Amino acid sequence: LASRPFARVAQLLGVRDAPRFVVS
């Protein structure tokens, strides 16, 4: 799923939130 730009996914879903727990 990382190959799909998340910003595009967020646009389609109407997501306004930002990641809250991130592990790299």
PDBML (XML) file of the C-alpha atoms, coordinates in Angstrom:
<?xml version="1.0" encoding="UTF-8" ?>
<PDBx:datablock datablockName="MODEL"
   xmlns:PDBx="http://pdbml.pdb.org/schema/pdbx-v50.xsd"
   xmlns:xsi="http://www.w3.org/2001/XMLSchema-instance"
   xsi:schemaLocation="http://pdbml.pdb.org/schema/pdbx-v50.xsd pdbx-v50.xsd">
   <PDBx:atom_siteCategory>
      <PDBx:atom_site id="1">
         <PDBx:B_iso_or_equiv>0.00</PDBx:B_iso_or_equiv>
         <PDBx:Cartn_x>0.000</PDBx:Cartn_x>
         <PDBx:Cartn_y>0.000</PDBx:Cartn_y>
         <PDBx:Cartn_z>0.000</PDBx:Cartn_z>
         <PDBx:auth_asym_id>A</PDBx:auth_asym_id>
         <PDBx:auth_atom_id>CA</PDBx:auth_atom_id>
         <PDBx:auth_comp_id>LEU</PDBx:auth_comp_id>
         <PDBx:auth_seq_id>1</PDBx:auth_seq_id>
         <PDBx:group_PDB>ATOM</PDBx:group_PDB>
         <PDBx:label_alt_id xsi:nil="true" />
         <PDBx:label_asym_id>A</PDBx:label_asym_id>
         <PDBx:label_atom_id>CA</PDBx:label_atom_id>
         <PDBx:label_comp_id>LEU</PDBx:label_comp_id>
         <PDBx:label_entity_id>1</PDBx:label_entity_id>
         <PDBx:label_seq_id>1</PDBx:label_seq_id>
         <PDBx:occupancy>1.00</PDBx:occupancy>
         <PDBx:pdbx_PDB_model_num>1</PDBx:pdbx_PDB_model_num>
         <PDBx:type_symbol>C</PDBx:type_symbol>
      </PDBx:atom_site>
      <PDBx:atom_site id="2">
         <PDBx:B_iso_or_equiv>0.00</PDBx:B_iso_or_equiv>
         <PDBx:Cartn_x>3.000</PDBx:Cartn_x>
         <PDBx:Cartn_y>2.308</PDBx:Cartn_y>
         <PDBx:Cartn_z>0.430</PDBx:Cartn_z>
         <PDBx:auth_asym_id>A</PDBx:auth_asym_id>
         <PDBx:auth_atom_id>CA</PDBx:auth_atom_id>
         <PDBx:auth_comp_id>ALA</PDBx:auth_comp_id>
         <PDBx:auth_seq_id>2</PDBx:auth_seq_id>
         <PDBx:group_PDB>ATOM</PDBx:group_PDB>
         <PDBx:label_alt_id xsi:nil="true" />
         <PDBx:label_asym_id>A</PDBx:label_asym_id>
         <PDBx:label_atom_id>CA</PDBx:label_atom_id>
         <PDBx:label_comp_id>ALA</PDBx:label_comp_id>
         <PDBx:label_entity_id>1</PDBx:label_entity_id>
         <PDBx:label_seq_id>2</PDBx:label_seq_id>
         <PDBx:occupancy>1.00</PDBx:occupancy>
         <PDBx:pdbx_PDB_model_num>1</PDBx:pdbx_PDB_model_num>
         <PDBx:type_symbol>C</PDBx:type_symbol>
      </PDBx:atom_site>
      <PDBx:atom_site id="3">
         <PDBx:B_iso_or_equiv>0.00</PDBx:B_iso_or_equiv>
         <PDBx:Cartn_x>3.240</PDBx:Cartn_x>
         <PDBx:Cartn_y>2.537</PDBx:Cartn_y>
         <PDBx:Cartn_z>-3.362</PDBx:Cartn_z>
         <PDBx:auth_asym_id>A</PDBx:auth_asym_id>
         <PDBx:auth_atom_id>CA</PDBx:auth_atom_id>
         <PDBx:auth_comp_id>SER</PDBx:auth_comp_id>
         <PDBx:auth_seq_id>3</PDBx:auth_seq_id>
         <PDBx:group_PDB>ATOM</PDBx:group_PDB>
         <PDBx:label_alt_id xsi:nil="true" />
         <PDBx:label_asym_id>A</PDBx:label_asym_id>
         <PDBx:label_atom_id>CA</PDBx:label_atom_id>
         <PDBx:label_comp_id>SER</PDBx:label_comp_id>
         <PDBx:label_entity_id>1</PDBx:label_entity_id>
         <PDBx:label_seq_id>3</PDBx:label_seq_id>
         <PDBx:occupancy>1.00</PDBx:occupancy>
         <PDBx:pdbx_PDB_model_num>1</PDBx:pdbx_PDB_model_num>
         <PDBx:type_symbol>C</PDBx:type_symbol>
      </PDBx:atom_site>
      <PDBx:atom_site id="4">
         <PDBx:B_iso_or_equiv>0.00</PDBx:B_iso_or_equiv>
         <PDBx:Cartn_x>-0.098</PDBx:Cartn_x>
         <PDBx:Cartn_y>4.405</PDBx:Cartn_y>
         <PDBx:Cartn_z>-3.460</PDBx:Cartn_z>
         <PDBx:auth_asym_id>A</PDBx:auth_asym_id>
         <PDBx:auth_atom_id>CA</PDBx:auth_atom_id>
         <PDBx:auth_comp_id>ARG</PDBx:auth_comp_id>
         <PDBx:auth_seq_id>4</PDBx:auth_seq_id>
         <PDBx:group_PDB>ATOM</PDBx:group_PDB>
         <PDBx:label_alt_id xsi:nil="true" />
         <PDBx:label_asym_id>A</PDBx:label_asym_id>
         <PDBx:label_atom_id>CA</PDBx:label_atom_id>
         <PDBx:label_comp_id>ARG</PDBx:label_comp_id>
         <PDBx:label_entity_id>1</PDBx:label_entity_id>
         <PDBx:label_seq_id>4</PDBx:label_seq_id>
         <PDBx:occupancy>1.00</PDBx:occupancy>
         <PDBx:pdbx_PDB_model_num>1</PDBx:pdbx_PDB_model_num>
         <PDBx:type_symbol>C</PDBx:type_symbol>
      </PDBx:atom_site>
      <PDBx:atom_site id="5">
         <PDBx:B_iso_or_equiv>0.00</PDBx:B_iso_or_equiv>
         <PDBx:Cartn_x>0.267</PDBx:Cartn_x>
         <PDBx:Cartn_y>8.077</PDBx:Cartn_y>
         <PDBx:Cartn_z>-2.479</PDBx:Cartn_z>
         <PDBx:auth_asym_id>A</PDBx:auth_asym_id>
         <PDBx:auth_atom_id>CA</PDBx:auth_atom_id>
         <PDBx:auth_comp_id>PRO</PDBx:auth_comp_id>
         <PDBx:auth_seq_id>5</PDBx:auth_seq_id>
         <PDBx:group_PDB>ATOM</PDBx:group_PDB>
         <PDBx:label_alt_id xsi:nil="true" />
         <PDBx:label_asym_id>A</PDBx:label_asym_id>
         <PDBx:label_atom_id>CA</PDBx:label_atom_id>
         <PDBx:label_comp_id>PRO</PDBx:label_comp_id>
         <PDBx:label_entity_id>1</PDBx:label_entity_id>
         <PDBx:label_seq_id>5</PDBx:label_seq_id>
         <PDBx:occupancy>1.00</PDBx:occupancy>
         <PDBx:pdbx_PDB_model_num>1</PDBx:pdbx_PDB_model_num>
         <PDBx:type_symbol>C</PDBx:type_symbol>
      </PDBx:atom_site>
      <PDBx:atom_site id="6">
         <PDBx:B_iso_or_equiv>0.00</PDBx:B_iso_or_equiv>
         <PDBx:Cartn_x>-1.564</PDBx:Cartn_x>
         <PDBx:Cartn_y>8.366</PDBx:Cartn_y>
         <PDBx:Cartn_z>0.838</PDBx:Cartn_z>
         <PDBx:auth_asym_id>A</PDBx:auth_asym_id>
         <PDBx:auth_atom_id>CA</PDBx:auth_atom_id>
         <PDBx:auth_comp_id>PHE</PDBx:auth_comp_id>
         <PDBx:auth_seq_id>6</PDBx:auth_seq_id>
         <PDBx:group_PDB>ATOM</PDBx:group_PDB>
         <PDBx:label_alt_id xsi:nil="true" />
         <PDBx:label_asym_id>A</PDBx:label_asym_id>
         <PDBx:label_atom_id>CA</PDBx:label_atom_id>
         <PDBx:label_comp_id>PHE</PDBx:label_comp_id>
         <PDBx:label_entity_id>1</PDBx:label_entity_id>
         <PDBx:label_seq_id>6</PDBx:label_seq_id>
         <PDBx:occupancy>1.00</PDBx:occupancy>
         <PDBx:pdbx_PDB_model_num>1</PDBx:pdbx_PDB_model_num>
         <PDBx:type_symbol>C</PDBx:type_symbol>
      </PDBx:atom_site>
      <PDBx:atom_site id="7">
         <PDBx:B_iso_or_equiv>0.00</PDBx:B_iso_or_equiv>
         <PDBx:Cartn_x>-2.463</PDBx:Cartn_x>
         <PDBx:Cartn_y>11.999</PDBx:Cartn_y>
         <PDBx:Cartn_z>0.115</PDBx:Cartn_z>
         <PDBx:auth_asym_id>A</PDBx:auth_asym_id>
         <PDBx:auth_atom_id>CA</PDBx:auth_atom_id>
         <PDBx:auth_comp_id>ALA</PDBx:auth_comp_id>
         <PDBx:auth_seq_id>7</PDBx:auth_seq_id>
         <PDBx:group_PDB>ATOM</PDBx:group_PDB>
         <PDBx:label_alt_id xsi:nil="true" />
         <PDBx:label_asym_id>A</PDBx:label_asym_id>
         <PDBx:label_atom_id>CA</PDBx:label_atom_id>
         <PDBx:label_comp_id>ALA</PDBx:label_comp_id>
         <PDBx:label_entity_id>1</PDBx:label_entity_id>
         <PDBx:label_seq_id>7</PDBx:label_seq_id>
         <PDBx:occupancy>1.00</PDBx:occupancy>
         <PDBx:pdbx_PDB_model_num>1</PDBx:pdbx_PDB_model_num>
         <PDBx:type_symbol>C</PDBx:type_symbol>
      </PDBx:atom_site>
      <PDBx:atom_site id="8">
         <PDBx:B_iso_or_equiv>0.00</PDBx:B_iso_or_equiv>
         <PDBx:Cartn_x>-4.529</PDBx:Cartn_x>
         <PDBx:Cartn_y>10.745</PDBx:Cartn_y>
         <PDBx:Cartn_z>-2.843</PDBx:Cartn_z>
         <PDBx:auth_asym_id>A</PDBx:auth_asym_id>
         <PDBx:auth_atom_id>CA</PDBx:auth_atom_id>
         <PDBx:auth_comp_id>ARG</PDBx:auth_comp_id>
         <PDBx:auth_seq_id>8</PDBx:auth_seq_id>
         <PDBx:group_PDB>ATOM</PDBx:group_PDB>
         <PDBx:label_alt_id xsi:nil="true" />
         <PDBx:label_asym_id>A</PDBx:label_asym_id>
         <PDBx:label_atom_id>CA</PDBx:label_atom_id>
         <PDBx:label_comp_id>ARG</PDBx:label_comp_id>
         <PDBx:label_entity_id>1</PDBx:label_entity_id>
         <PDBx:label_seq_id>8</PDBx:label_seq_id>
         <PDBx:occupancy>1.00</PDBx:occupancy>
         <PDBx:pdbx_PDB_model_num>1</PDBx:pdbx_PDB_model_num>
         <PDBx:type_symbol>C</PDBx:type_symbol>
      </PDBx:atom_site>
      <PDBx:atom_site id="9">
         <PDBx:B_iso_or_equiv>0.00</PDBx:B_iso_or_equiv>
         <PDBx:Cartn_x>-6.192</PDBx:Cartn_x>
         <PDBx:Cartn_y>8.096</PDBx:Cartn_y>
         <PDBx:Cartn_z>-0.654</PDBx:Cartn_z>
         <PDBx:auth_asym_id>A</PDBx:auth_asym_id>
         <PDBx:auth_atom_id>CA</PDBx:auth_atom_id>
         <PDBx:auth_comp_id>VAL</PDBx:auth_comp_id>
         <PDBx:auth_seq_id>9</PDBx:auth_seq_id>
         <PDBx:group_PDB>ATOM</PDBx:group_PDB>
         <PDBx:label_alt_id xsi:nil="true" />
         <PDBx:label_asym_id>A</PDBx:label_asym_id>
         <PDBx:label_atom_id>CA</PDBx:label_atom_id>
         <PDBx:label_comp_id>VAL</PDBx:label_comp_id>
         <PDBx:label_entity_id>1</PDBx:label_entity_id>
         <PDBx:label_seq_id>9</PDBx:label_seq_id>
         <PDBx:occupancy>1.00</PDBx:occupancy>
         <PDBx:pdbx_PDB_model_num>1</PDBx:pdbx_PDB_model_num>
         <PDBx:type_symbol>C</PDBx:type_symbol>
      </PDBx:atom_site>
      <PDBx:atom_site id="10">
         <PDBx:B_iso_or_equiv>0.00</PDBx:B_iso_or_equiv>
         <PDBx:Cartn_x>-6.954</PDBx:Cartn_x>
         <PDBx:Cartn_y>10.769</PDBx:Cartn_y>
         <PDBx:Cartn_z>1.956</PDBx:Cartn_z>
         <PDBx:auth_asym_id>A</PDBx:auth_asym_id>
         <PDBx:auth_atom_id>CA</PDBx:auth_atom_id>
         <PDBx:auth_comp_id>ALA</PDBx:auth_comp_id>
         <PDBx:auth_seq_id>10</PDBx:auth_seq_id>
         <PDBx:group_PDB>ATOM</PDBx:group_PDB>
         <PDBx:label_alt_id xsi:nil="true" />
         <PDBx:label_asym_id>A</PDBx:label_asym_id>
         <PDBx:label_atom_id>CA</PDBx:label_atom_id>
         <PDBx:label_comp_id>ALA</PDBx:label_comp_id>
         <PDBx:label_entity_id>1</PDBx:label_entity_id>
         <PDBx:label_seq_id>10</PDBx:label_seq_id>
         <PDBx:occupancy>1.00</PDBx:occupancy>
         <PDBx:pdbx_PDB_model_num>1</PDBx:pdbx_PDB_model_num>
         <PDBx:type_symbol>C</PDBx:type_symbol>
      </PDBx:atom_site>
      <PDBx:atom_site id="11">
         <PDBx:B_iso_or_equiv>0.00</PDBx:B_iso_or_equiv>
         <PDBx:Cartn_x>-8.459</PDBx:Cartn_x>
         <PDBx:Cartn_y>12.965</PDBx:Cartn_y>
         <PDBx:Cartn_z>-0.755</PDBx:Cartn_z>
         <PDBx:auth_asym_id>A</PDBx:auth_asym_id>
         <PDBx:auth_atom_id>CA</PDBx:auth_atom_id>
         <PDBx:auth_comp_id>GLN</PDBx:auth_comp_id>
         <PDBx:auth_seq_id>11</PDBx:auth_seq_id>
         <PDBx:group_PDB>ATOM</PDBx:group_PDB>
         <PDBx:label_alt_id xsi:nil="true" />
         <PDBx:label_asym_id>A</PDBx:label_asym_id>
         <PDBx:label_atom_id>CA</PDBx:label_atom_id>
         <PDBx:label_comp_id>GLN</PDBx:label_comp_id>
         <PDBx:label_entity_id>1</PDBx:label_entity_id>
         <PDBx:label_seq_id>11</PDBx:label_seq_id>
         <PDBx:occupancy>1.00</PDBx:occupancy>
         <PDBx:pdbx_PDB_model_num>1</PDBx:pdbx_PDB_model_num>
         <PDBx:type_symbol>C</PDBx:type_symbol>
      </PDBx:atom_site>
      <PDBx:atom_site id="12">
         <PDBx:B_iso_or_equiv>0.00</PDBx:B_iso_or_equiv>
         <PDBx:Cartn_x>-10.775</PDBx:Cartn_x>
         <PDBx:Cartn_y>10.179</PDBx:Cartn_y>
         <PDBx:Cartn_z>-1.885</PDBx:Cartn_z>
         <PDBx:auth_asym_id>A</PDBx:auth_asym_id>
         <PDBx:auth_atom_id>CA</PDBx:auth_atom_id>
         <PDBx:auth_comp_id>LEU</PDBx:auth_comp_id>
         <PDBx:auth_seq_id>12</PDBx:auth_seq_id>
         <PDBx:group_PDB>ATOM</PDBx:group_PDB>
         <PDBx:label_alt_id xsi:nil="true" />
         <PDBx:label_asym_id>A</PDBx:label_asym_id>
         <PDBx:label_atom_id>CA</PDBx:label_atom_id>
         <PDBx:label_comp_id>LEU</PDBx:label_comp_id>
         <PDBx:label_entity_id>1</PDBx:label_entity_id>
         <PDBx:label_seq_id>12</PDBx:label_seq_id>
         <PDBx:occupancy>1.00</PDBx:occupancy>
         <PDBx:pdbx_PDB_model_num>1</PDBx:pdbx_PDB_model_num>
         <PDBx:type_symbol>C</PDBx:type_symbol>
      </PDBx:atom_site>
      <PDBx:atom_site id="13">
         <PDBx:B_iso_or_equiv>0.00</PDBx:B_iso_or_equiv>
         <PDBx:Cartn_x>-11.809</PDBx:Cartn_x>
         <PDBx:Cartn_y>9.284</PDBx:Cartn_y>
         <PDBx:Cartn_z>1.662</PDBx:Cartn_z>
         <PDBx:auth_asym_id>A</PDBx:auth_asym_id>
         <PDBx:auth_atom_id>CA</PDBx:auth_atom_id>
         <PDBx:auth_comp_id>LEU</PDBx:auth_comp_id>
         <PDBx:auth_seq_id>13</PDBx:auth_seq_id>
         <PDBx:group_PDB>ATOM</PDBx:group_PDB>
         <PDBx:label_alt_id xsi:nil="true" />
         <PDBx:label_asym_id>A</PDBx:label_asym_id>
         <PDBx:label_atom_id>CA</PDBx:label_atom_id>
         <PDBx:label_comp_id>LEU</PDBx:label_comp_id>
         <PDBx:label_entity_id>1</PDBx:label_entity_id>
         <PDBx:label_seq_id>13</PDBx:label_seq_id>
         <PDBx:occupancy>1.00</PDBx:occupancy>
         <PDBx:pdbx_PDB_model_num>1</PDBx:pdbx_PDB_model_num>
         <PDBx:type_symbol>C</PDBx:type_symbol>
      </PDBx:atom_site>
      <PDBx:atom_site id="14">
         <PDBx:B_iso_or_equiv>0.00</PDBx:B_iso_or_equiv>
         <PDBx:Cartn_x>-12.088</PDBx:Cartn_x>
         <PDBx:Cartn_y>12.852</PDBx:Cartn_y>
         <PDBx:Cartn_z>2.930</PDBx:Cartn_z>
         <PDBx:auth_asym_id>A</PDBx:auth_asym_id>
         <PDBx:auth_atom_id>CA</PDBx:auth_atom_id>
         <PDBx:auth_comp_id>GLY</PDBx:auth_comp_id>
         <PDBx:auth_seq_id>14</PDBx:auth_seq_id>
         <PDBx:group_PDB>ATOM</PDBx:group_PDB>
         <PDBx:label_alt_id xsi:nil="true" />
         <PDBx:label_asym_id>A</PDBx:label_asym_id>
         <PDBx:label_atom_id>CA</PDBx:label_atom_id>
         <PDBx:label_comp_id>GLY</PDBx:label_comp_id>
         <PDBx:label_entity_id>1</PDBx:label_entity_id>
         <PDBx:label_seq_id>14</PDBx:label_seq_id>
         <PDBx:occupancy>1.00</PDBx:occupancy>
         <PDBx:pdbx_PDB_model_num>1</PDBx:pdbx_PDB_model_num>
         <PDBx:type_symbol>C</PDBx:type_symbol>
      </PDBx:atom_site>
      <PDBx:atom_site id="15">
         <PDBx:B_iso_or_equiv>0.00</PDBx:B_iso_or_equiv>
         <PDBx:Cartn_x>-9.499</PDBx:Cartn_x>
         <PDBx:Cartn_y>12.296</PDBx:Cartn_y>
         <PDBx:Cartn_z>5.677</PDBx:Cartn_z>
         <PDBx:auth_asym_id>A</PDBx:auth_asym_id>
         <PDBx:auth_atom_id>CA</PDBx:auth_atom_id>
         <PDBx:auth_comp_id>VAL</PDBx:auth_comp_id>
         <PDBx:auth_seq_id>15</PDBx:auth_seq_id>
         <PDBx:group_PDB>ATOM</PDBx:group_PDB>
         <PDBx:label_alt_id xsi:nil="true" />
         <PDBx:label_asym_id>A</PDBx:label_asym_id>
         <PDBx:label_atom_id>CA</PDBx:label_atom_id>
         <PDBx:label_comp_id>VAL</PDBx:label_comp_id>
         <PDBx:label_entity_id>1</PDBx:label_entity_id>
         <PDBx:label_seq_id>15</PDBx:label_seq_id>
         <PDBx:occupancy>1.00</PDBx:occupancy>
         <PDBx:pdbx_PDB_model_num>1</PDBx:pdbx_PDB_model_num>
         <PDBx:type_symbol>C</PDBx:type_symbol>
      </PDBx:atom_site>
      <PDBx:atom_site id="16">
         <PDBx:B_iso_or_equiv>0.00</PDBx:B_iso_or_equiv>
         <PDBx:Cartn_x>-8.598</PDBx:Cartn_x>
         <PDBx:Cartn_y>15.444</PDBx:Cartn_y>
         <PDBx:Cartn_z>7.605</PDBx:Cartn_z>
         <PDBx:auth_asym_id>A</PDBx:auth_asym_id>
         <PDBx:auth_atom_id>CA</PDBx:auth_atom_id>
         <PDBx:auth_comp_id>ARG</PDBx:auth_comp_id>
         <PDBx:auth_seq_id>16</PDBx:auth_seq_id>
         <PDBx:group_PDB>ATOM</PDBx:group_PDB>
         <PDBx:label_alt_id xsi:nil="true" />
         <PDBx:label_asym_id>A</PDBx:label_asym_id>
         <PDBx:label_atom_id>CA</PDBx:label_atom_id>
         <PDBx:label_comp_id>ARG</PDBx:label_comp_id>
         <PDBx:label_entity_id>1</PDBx:label_entity_id>
         <PDBx:label_seq_id>16</PDBx:label_seq_id>
         <PDBx:occupancy>1.00</PDBx:occupancy>
         <PDBx:pdbx_PDB_model_num>1</PDBx:pdbx_PDB_model_num>
         <PDBx:type_symbol>C</PDBx:type_symbol>
      </PDBx:atom_site>
      <PDBx:atom_site id="17">
         <PDBx:B_iso_or_equiv>0.00</PDBx:B_iso_or_equiv>
         <PDBx:Cartn_x>-6.596</PDBx:Cartn_x>
         <PDBx:Cartn_y>13.784</PDBx:Cartn_y>
         <PDBx:Cartn_z>10.372</PDBx:Cartn_z>
         <PDBx:auth_asym_id>A</PDBx:auth_asym_id>
         <PDBx:auth_atom_id>CA</PDBx:auth_atom_id>
         <PDBx:auth_comp_id>ASP</PDBx:auth_comp_id>
         <PDBx:auth_seq_id>17</PDBx:auth_seq_id>
         <PDBx:group_PDB>ATOM</PDBx:group_PDB>
         <PDBx:label_alt_id xsi:nil="true" />
         <PDBx:label_asym_id>A</PDBx:label_asym_id>
         <PDBx:label_atom_id>CA</PDBx:label_atom_id>
         <PDBx:label_comp_id>ASP</PDBx:label_comp_id>
         <PDBx:label_entity_id>1</PDBx:label_entity_id>
         <PDBx:label_seq_id>17</PDBx:label_seq_id>
         <PDBx:occupancy>1.00</PDBx:occupancy>
         <PDBx:pdbx_PDB_model_num>1</PDBx:pdbx_PDB_model_num>
         <PDBx:type_symbol>C</PDBx:type_symbol>
      </PDBx:atom_site>
      <PDBx:atom_site id="18">
         <PDBx:B_iso_or_equiv>0.00</PDBx:B_iso_or_equiv>
         <PDBx:Cartn_x>-2.805</PDBx:Cartn_x>
         <PDBx:Cartn_y>13.281</PDBx:Cartn_y>
         <PDBx:Cartn_z>10.577</PDBx:Cartn_z>
         <PDBx:auth_asym_id>A</PDBx:auth_asym_id>
         <PDBx:auth_atom_id>CA</PDBx:auth_atom_id>
         <PDBx:auth_comp_id>ALA</PDBx:auth_comp_id>
         <PDBx:auth_seq_id>18</PDBx:auth_seq_id>
         <PDBx:group_PDB>ATOM</PDBx:group_PDB>
         <PDBx:label_alt_id xsi:nil="true" />
         <PDBx:label_asym_id>A</PDBx:label_asym_id>
         <PDBx:label_atom_id>CA</PDBx:label_atom_id>
         <PDBx:label_comp_id>ALA</PDBx:label_comp_id>
         <PDBx:label_entity_id>1</PDBx:label_entity_id>
         <PDBx:label_seq_id>18</PDBx:label_seq_id>
         <PDBx:occupancy>1.00</PDBx:occupancy>
         <PDBx:pdbx_PDB_model_num>1</PDBx:pdbx_PDB_model_num>
         <PDBx:type_symbol>C</PDBx:type_symbol>
      </PDBx:atom_site>
      <PDBx:atom_site id="19">
         <PDBx:B_iso_or_equiv>0.00</PDBx:B_iso_or_equiv>
         <PDBx:Cartn_x>-0.863</PDBx:Cartn_x>
         <PDBx:Cartn_y>10.209</PDBx:Cartn_y>
         <PDBx:Cartn_z>11.803</PDBx:Cartn_z>
         <PDBx:auth_asym_id>A</PDBx:auth_asym_id>
         <PDBx:auth_atom_id>CA</PDBx:auth_atom_id>
         <PDBx:auth_comp_id>PRO</PDBx:auth_comp_id>
         <PDBx:auth_seq_id>19</PDBx:auth_seq_id>
         <PDBx:group_PDB>ATOM</PDBx:group_PDB>
         <PDBx:label_alt_id xsi:nil="true" />
         <PDBx:label_asym_id>A</PDBx:label_asym_id>
         <PDBx:label_atom_id>CA</PDBx:label_atom_id>
         <PDBx:label_comp_id>PRO</PDBx:label_comp_id>
         <PDBx:label_entity_id>1</PDBx:label_entity_id>
         <PDBx:label_seq_id>19</PDBx:label_seq_id>
         <PDBx:occupancy>1.00</PDBx:occupancy>
         <PDBx:pdbx_PDB_model_num>1</PDBx:pdbx_PDB_model_num>
         <PDBx:type_symbol>C</PDBx:type_symbol>
      </PDBx:atom_site>
      <PDBx:atom_site id="20">
         <PDBx:B_iso_or_equiv>0.00</PDBx:B_iso_or_equiv>
         <PDBx:Cartn_x>-0.716</PDBx:Cartn_x>
         <PDBx:Cartn_y>10.007</PDBx:Cartn_y>
         <PDBx:Cartn_z>15.602</PDBx:Cartn_z>
         <PDBx:auth_asym_id>A</PDBx:auth_asym_id>
         <PDBx:auth_atom_id>CA</PDBx:auth_atom_id>
         <PDBx:auth_comp_id>ARG</PDBx:auth_comp_id>
         <PDBx:auth_seq_id>20</PDBx:auth_seq_id>
         <PDBx:group_PDB>ATOM</PDBx:group_PDB>
         <PDBx:label_alt_id xsi:nil="true" />
         <PDBx:label_asym_id>A</PDBx:label_asym_id>
         <PDBx:label_atom_id>CA</PDBx:label_atom_id>
         <PDBx:label_comp_id>ARG</PDBx:label_comp_id>
         <PDBx:label_entity_id>1</PDBx:label_entity_id>
         <PDBx:label_seq_id>20</PDBx:label_seq_id>
         <PDBx:occupancy>1.00</PDBx:occupancy>
         <PDBx:pdbx_PDB_model_num>1</PDBx:pdbx_PDB_model_num>
         <PDBx:type_symbol>C</PDBx:type_symbol>
      </PDBx:atom_site>
      <PDBx:atom_site id="21">
         <PDBx:B_iso_or_equiv>0.00</PDBx:B_iso_or_equiv>
         <PDBx:Cartn_x>1.461</PDBx:Cartn_x>
         <PDBx:Cartn_y>6.954</PDBx:Cartn_y>
         <PDBx:Cartn_z>16.202</PDBx:Cartn_z>
         <PDBx:auth_asym_id>A</PDBx:auth_asym_id>
         <PDBx:auth_atom_id>CA</PDBx:auth_atom_id>
         <PDBx:auth_comp_id>PHE</PDBx:auth_comp_id>
         <PDBx:auth_seq_id>21</PDBx:auth_seq_id>
         <PDBx:group_PDB>ATOM</PDBx:group_PDB>
         <PDBx:label_alt_id xsi:nil="true" />
         <PDBx:label_asym_id>A</PDBx:label_asym_id>
         <PDBx:label_atom_id>CA</PDBx:label_atom_id>
         <PDBx:label_comp_id>PHE</PDBx:label_comp_id>
         <PDBx:label_entity_id>1</PDBx:label_entity_id>
         <PDBx:label_seq_id>21</PDBx:label_seq_id>
         <PDBx:occupancy>1.00</PDBx:occupancy>
         <PDBx:pdbx_PDB_model_num>1</PDBx:pdbx_PDB_model_num>
         <PDBx:type_symbol>C</PDBx:type_symbol>
      </PDBx:atom_site>
      <PDBx:atom_site id="22">
         <PDBx:B_iso_or_equiv>0.00</PDBx:B_iso_or_equiv>
         <PDBx:Cartn_x>4.314</PDBx:Cartn_x>
         <PDBx:Cartn_y>6.453</PDBx:Cartn_y>
         <PDBx:Cartn_z>13.713</PDBx:Cartn_z>
         <PDBx:auth_asym_id>A</PDBx:auth_asym_id>
         <PDBx:auth_atom_id>CA</PDBx:auth_atom_id>
         <PDBx:auth_comp_id>VAL</PDBx:auth_comp_id>
         <PDBx:auth_seq_id>22</PDBx:auth_seq_id>
         <PDBx:group_PDB>ATOM</PDBx:group_PDB>
         <PDBx:label_alt_id xsi:nil="true" />
         <PDBx:label_asym_id>A</PDBx:label_asym_id>
         <PDBx:label_atom_id>CA</PDBx:label_atom_id>
         <PDBx:label_comp_id>VAL</PDBx:label_comp_id>
         <PDBx:label_entity_id>1</PDBx:label_entity_id>
         <PDBx:label_seq_id>22</PDBx:label_seq_id>
         <PDBx:occupancy>1.00</PDBx:occupancy>
         <PDBx:pdbx_PDB_model_num>1</PDBx:pdbx_PDB_model_num>
         <PDBx:type_symbol>C</PDBx:type_symbol>
      </PDBx:atom_site>
      <PDBx:atom_site id="23">
         <PDBx:B_iso_or_equiv>0.00</PDBx:B_iso_or_equiv>
         <PDBx:Cartn_x>7.114</PDBx:Cartn_x>
         <PDBx:Cartn_y>3.889</PDBx:Cartn_y>
         <PDBx:Cartn_z>13.823</PDBx:Cartn_z>
         <PDBx:auth_asym_id>A</PDBx:auth_asym_id>
         <PDBx:auth_atom_id>CA</PDBx:auth_atom_id>
         <PDBx:auth_comp_id>VAL</PDBx:auth_comp_id>
         <PDBx:auth_seq_id>23</PDBx:auth_seq_id>
         <PDBx:group_PDB>ATOM</PDBx:group_PDB>
         <PDBx:label_alt_id xsi:nil="true" />
         <PDBx:label_asym_id>A</PDBx:label_asym_id>
         <PDBx:label_atom_id>CA</PDBx:label_atom_id>
         <PDBx:label_comp_id>VAL</PDBx:label_comp_id>
         <PDBx:label_entity_id>1</PDBx:label_entity_id>
         <PDBx:label_seq_id>23</PDBx:label_seq_id>
         <PDBx:occupancy>1.00</PDBx:occupancy>
         <PDBx:pdbx_PDB_model_num>1</PDBx:pdbx_PDB_model_num>
         <PDBx:type_symbol>C</PDBx:type_symbol>
      </PDBx:atom_site>
      <PDBx:atom_site id="24">
         <PDBx:B_iso_or_equiv>0.00</PDBx:B_iso_or_equiv>
         <PDBx:Cartn_x>9.993</PDBx:Cartn_x>
         <PDBx:Cartn_y>4.036</PDBx:Cartn_y>
         <PDBx:Cartn_z>11.328</PDBx:Cartn_z>
         <PDBx:auth_asym_id>A</PDBx:auth_asym_id>
         <PDBx:auth_atom_id>CA</PDBx:auth_atom_id>
         <PDBx:auth_comp_id>SER</PDBx:auth_comp_id>
         <PDBx:auth_seq_id>24</PDBx:auth_seq_id>
         <PDBx:group_PDB>ATOM</PDBx:group_PDB>
         <PDBx:label_alt_id xsi:nil="true" />
         <PDBx:label_asym_id>A</PDBx:label_asym_id>
         <PDBx:label_atom_id>CA</PDBx:label_atom_id>
         <PDBx:label_comp_id>SER</PDBx:label_comp_id>
         <PDBx:label_entity_id>1</PDBx:label_entity_id>
         <PDBx:label_seq_id>24</PDBx:label_seq_id>
         <PDBx:occupancy>1.00</PDBx:occupancy>
         <PDBx:pdbx_PDB_model_num>1</PDBx:pdbx_PDB_model_num>
         <PDBx:type_symbol>C</PDBx:type_symbol>
      </PDBx:atom_site>
   </PDBx:atom_siteCategory>
</PDBx:datablock>
